């Protein structure tokens, strides 16, 4: 199994599991705040799968979005991207309002294909944190992420 195949499995799981998002009420990718363009370029493609994962049960709860925000802020810090207070606020608002579509998932997966094994490991760990954030561990999600982590470790 290759890294690309694991990424495709993750994408297929999200596409099959997350409810379709209607255009009404969404925060389109084109509306990404100008003040966050460097964040978008660096790891915006991690945001889409995480938000889709958080909506599998029909709603994306504040605790799940907080777990996503924490991951993004930690990732920014770990990569040396020092976000100013205004950027952190803008990112928080964006994470709370953005509702990705399945079409945006395709674009995000293409970018994930260019990422390292370490980066994918961190994304899967963030996905596990999102699944655990609402306090309800759904067996299907947990098993899928455990299998994905195990297969990634075997590469």
Protein backbone atom coordinates (compact mmCIF):
# COMPACT_ATOMS: atom_id res chain seq x y z
CA UNK A 1 0.00 0.00 0.00
CA UNK A 2 1.26 3.49 -0.82
CA UNK A 3 0.85 6.82 0.94
CA UNK A 4 -1.34 7.98 -1.95
CA UNK A 5 -3.65 5.00 -1.49
CA UNK A 6 -4.05 5.85 2.20
CA UNK A 7 -4.93 9.44 1.36
CA UNK A 8 -7.48 8.21 -1.19
CA UNK A 9 -8.99 5.87 1.44
CA UNK A 10 -9.33 8.80 3.82
CA UNK A 11 -10.97 10.88 1.10
CA UNK A 12 -13.36 8.08 0.13
CA UNK A 13 -14.35 7.57 3.75
CA UNK A 14 -15.15 11.28 4.10
CA UNK A 15 -16.99 11.48 0.78
CA UNK A 16 -19.14 8.48 1.67
CA UNK A 17 -19.73 9.41 5.32
CA UNK A 18 -20.09 13.18 5.52
CA UNK A 19 -23.49 14.57 4.59
CA UNK A 20 -23.57 16.69 1.45
CA UNK A 21 -23.25 20.39 2.15
CA UNK A 22 -25.55 22.68 0.25
CA UNK A 23 -24.20 25.91 -1.18
CA UNK A 24 -26.68 27.99 0.81
CA UNK A 25 -25.09 29.17 4.01
CA UNK A 26 -21.61 27.95 3.16
CA UNK A 27 -18.48 29.99 3.46
CA UNK A 28 -16.95 29.49 0.01
CA UNK A 29 -13.26 28.75 -0.32
CA UNK A 30 -12.95 31.87 -2.47
CA UNK A 31 -14.00 33.90 0.57
CA UNK A 32 -10.93 32.84 2.50
CA UNK A 33 -9.87 36.04 4.25
CA UNK A 34 -6.93 37.82 2.62
CA UNK A 35 -5.30 38.03 6.04
CA UNK A 36 -5.13 34.23 6.13
CA UNK A 37 -3.78 33.49 2.66
CA UNK A 38 -0.45 32.24 3.97
CA UNK A 39 -2.31 29.91 6.35
CA UNK A 40 -4.45 28.66 3.47
CA UNK A 41 -1.41 27.94 1.33
CA UNK A 42 0.42 26.16 4.16
CA UNK A 43 -2.34 23.93 5.49
CA UNK A 44 -5.80 24.98 4.34
CA UNK A 45 -6.10 21.57 2.70
CA UNK A 46 -5.99 19.98 6.17
CA UNK A 47 -8.99 22.06 7.25
CA UNK A 48 -11.39 20.62 4.66
CA UNK A 49 -11.10 16.92 5.61
CA UNK A 50 -11.17 17.72 9.32
CA UNK A 51 -14.34 19.80 9.00
CA UNK A 52 -16.00 17.14 6.85
CA UNK A 53 -15.07 14.53 9.46
CA UNK A 54 -16.60 16.69 12.19
CA UNK A 55 -19.89 16.83 10.27
CA UNK A 56 -20.31 13.07 9.74
CA UNK A 57 -22.91 12.88 12.50
CA UNK A 58 -24.91 15.71 10.94
CA UNK A 59 -23.45 18.66 12.81
CA UNK A 60 -20.06 20.09 13.54
CA UNK A 61 -20.03 20.89 17.24
CA UNK A 62 -18.05 23.74 18.82
CA UNK A 63 -15.77 21.25 20.62
CA UNK A 64 -14.91 19.59 17.31
CA UNK A 65 -14.18 22.93 15.66
CA UNK A 66 -12.07 23.91 18.67
CA UNK A 67 -10.01 20.72 18.21
CA UNK A 68 -9.51 21.68 14.56
CA UNK A 69 -8.50 25.22 15.46
CA UNK A 70 -6.05 23.91 18.07
CA UNK A 71 -4.48 21.63 15.45
CA UNK A 72 -4.13 24.50 12.96
CA UNK A 73 -2.61 26.82 15.54
CA UNK A 74 -0.21 24.11 16.70
CA UNK A 75 0.72 23.35 13.10
CA UNK A 76 1.37 27.03 12.41
CA UNK A 77 3.63 27.26 15.43
CA UNK A 78 5.47 24.02 14.61
CA UNK A 79 6.21 25.23 11.09
CA UNK A 80 7.47 28.60 12.31
CA UNK A 81 4.44 30.52 11.07
CA UNK A 82 3.94 33.06 13.81
CA UNK A 83 0.34 34.19 13.63
CA UNK A 84 -0.49 37.61 14.98
CA UNK A 85 -3.56 38.15 17.18
CA UNK A 86 -5.66 39.34 14.21
CA UNK A 87 -4.76 36.23 12.20
CA UNK A 88 -5.71 33.98 15.11
CA UNK A 89 -9.06 35.72 15.44
CA UNK A 90 -9.70 35.51 11.70
CA UNK A 91 -8.77 31.82 11.71
CA UNK A 92 -11.12 31.12 14.63
CA UNK A 93 -14.00 32.83 12.82
CA UNK A 94 -13.22 31.01 9.59
CA UNK A 95 -13.06 27.59 11.27
CA UNK A 96 -16.40 28.29 12.97
CA UNK A 97 -18.16 29.39 9.78
CA UNK A 98 -16.58 27.41 6.95
CA UNK A 99 -18.63 24.47 5.65
CA UNK A 100 -16.61 22.69 2.98
CA UNK A 101 -18.22 20.95 0.06
CA UNK A 102 -17.33 17.56 -1.28
CA UNK A 103 -15.92 19.26 -4.39
CA UNK A 104 -13.43 21.11 -2.18
CA UNK A 105 -12.38 17.77 -0.72
CA UNK A 106 -11.07 16.69 -4.13
CA UNK A 107 -8.78 19.71 -4.28
CA UNK A 108 -7.58 19.16 -0.71
CA UNK A 109 -6.77 15.50 -1.41
CA UNK A 110 -4.62 16.47 -4.40
CA UNK A 111 -2.58 18.70 -2.11
CA UNK A 112 -2.37 15.99 0.56
CA UNK A 113 -0.81 13.68 -2.03
CA UNK A 114 2.23 15.98 -2.00
CA UNK A 115 2.63 15.83 1.78
CA UNK A 116 4.97 13.68 3.83
CA UNK A 117 4.19 10.62 5.89
CA UNK A 118 4.82 12.69 9.00
CA UNK A 119 2.33 15.32 7.90
CA UNK A 120 -0.30 12.66 7.22
CA UNK A 121 0.38 11.10 10.64
CA UNK A 122 -0.26 14.49 12.25
CA UNK A 123 -3.46 14.95 10.25
CA UNK A 124 -4.74 11.53 11.33
CA UNK A 125 -3.92 12.36 14.96
CA UNK A 126 -5.89 15.59 14.55
CA UNK A 127 -8.76 13.61 13.02
CA UNK A 128 -8.75 11.34 16.06
CA UNK A 129 -8.88 14.41 18.33
CA UNK A 130 -11.86 15.74 16.34
CA UNK A 131 -13.67 12.40 16.65
CA UNK A 132 -13.06 12.41 20.41
CA UNK A 133 -13.89 16.10 20.95
CA UNK A 134 -17.65 15.73 21.33
CA UNK A 135 -17.28 12.93 23.89
CA UNK A 136 -19.08 10.41 21.68
CA UNK A 137 -16.74 7.90 20.09
CA UNK A 138 -18.46 6.38 17.09
CA UNK A 139 -17.10 2.90 16.50
CA UNK A 140 -16.98 3.23 12.71
CA UNK A 141 -14.93 6.45 12.78
CA UNK A 142 -12.61 5.19 15.52
CA UNK A 143 -11.96 1.89 13.74
CA UNK A 144 -11.35 3.59 10.41
CA UNK A 145 -8.80 6.01 11.89
CA UNK A 146 -7.10 3.23 13.87
CA UNK A 147 -6.81 1.15 10.69
CA UNK A 148 -5.49 4.13 8.76
CA UNK A 149 -2.91 4.85 11.47
CA UNK A 150 -1.81 1.23 11.57
CA UNK A 151 -1.47 1.07 7.78
CA UNK A 152 0.47 4.33 7.75
CA UNK A 153 2.86 3.04 10.40
CA UNK A 154 3.44 -0.07 8.28
CA UNK A 155 4.64 2.00 5.29
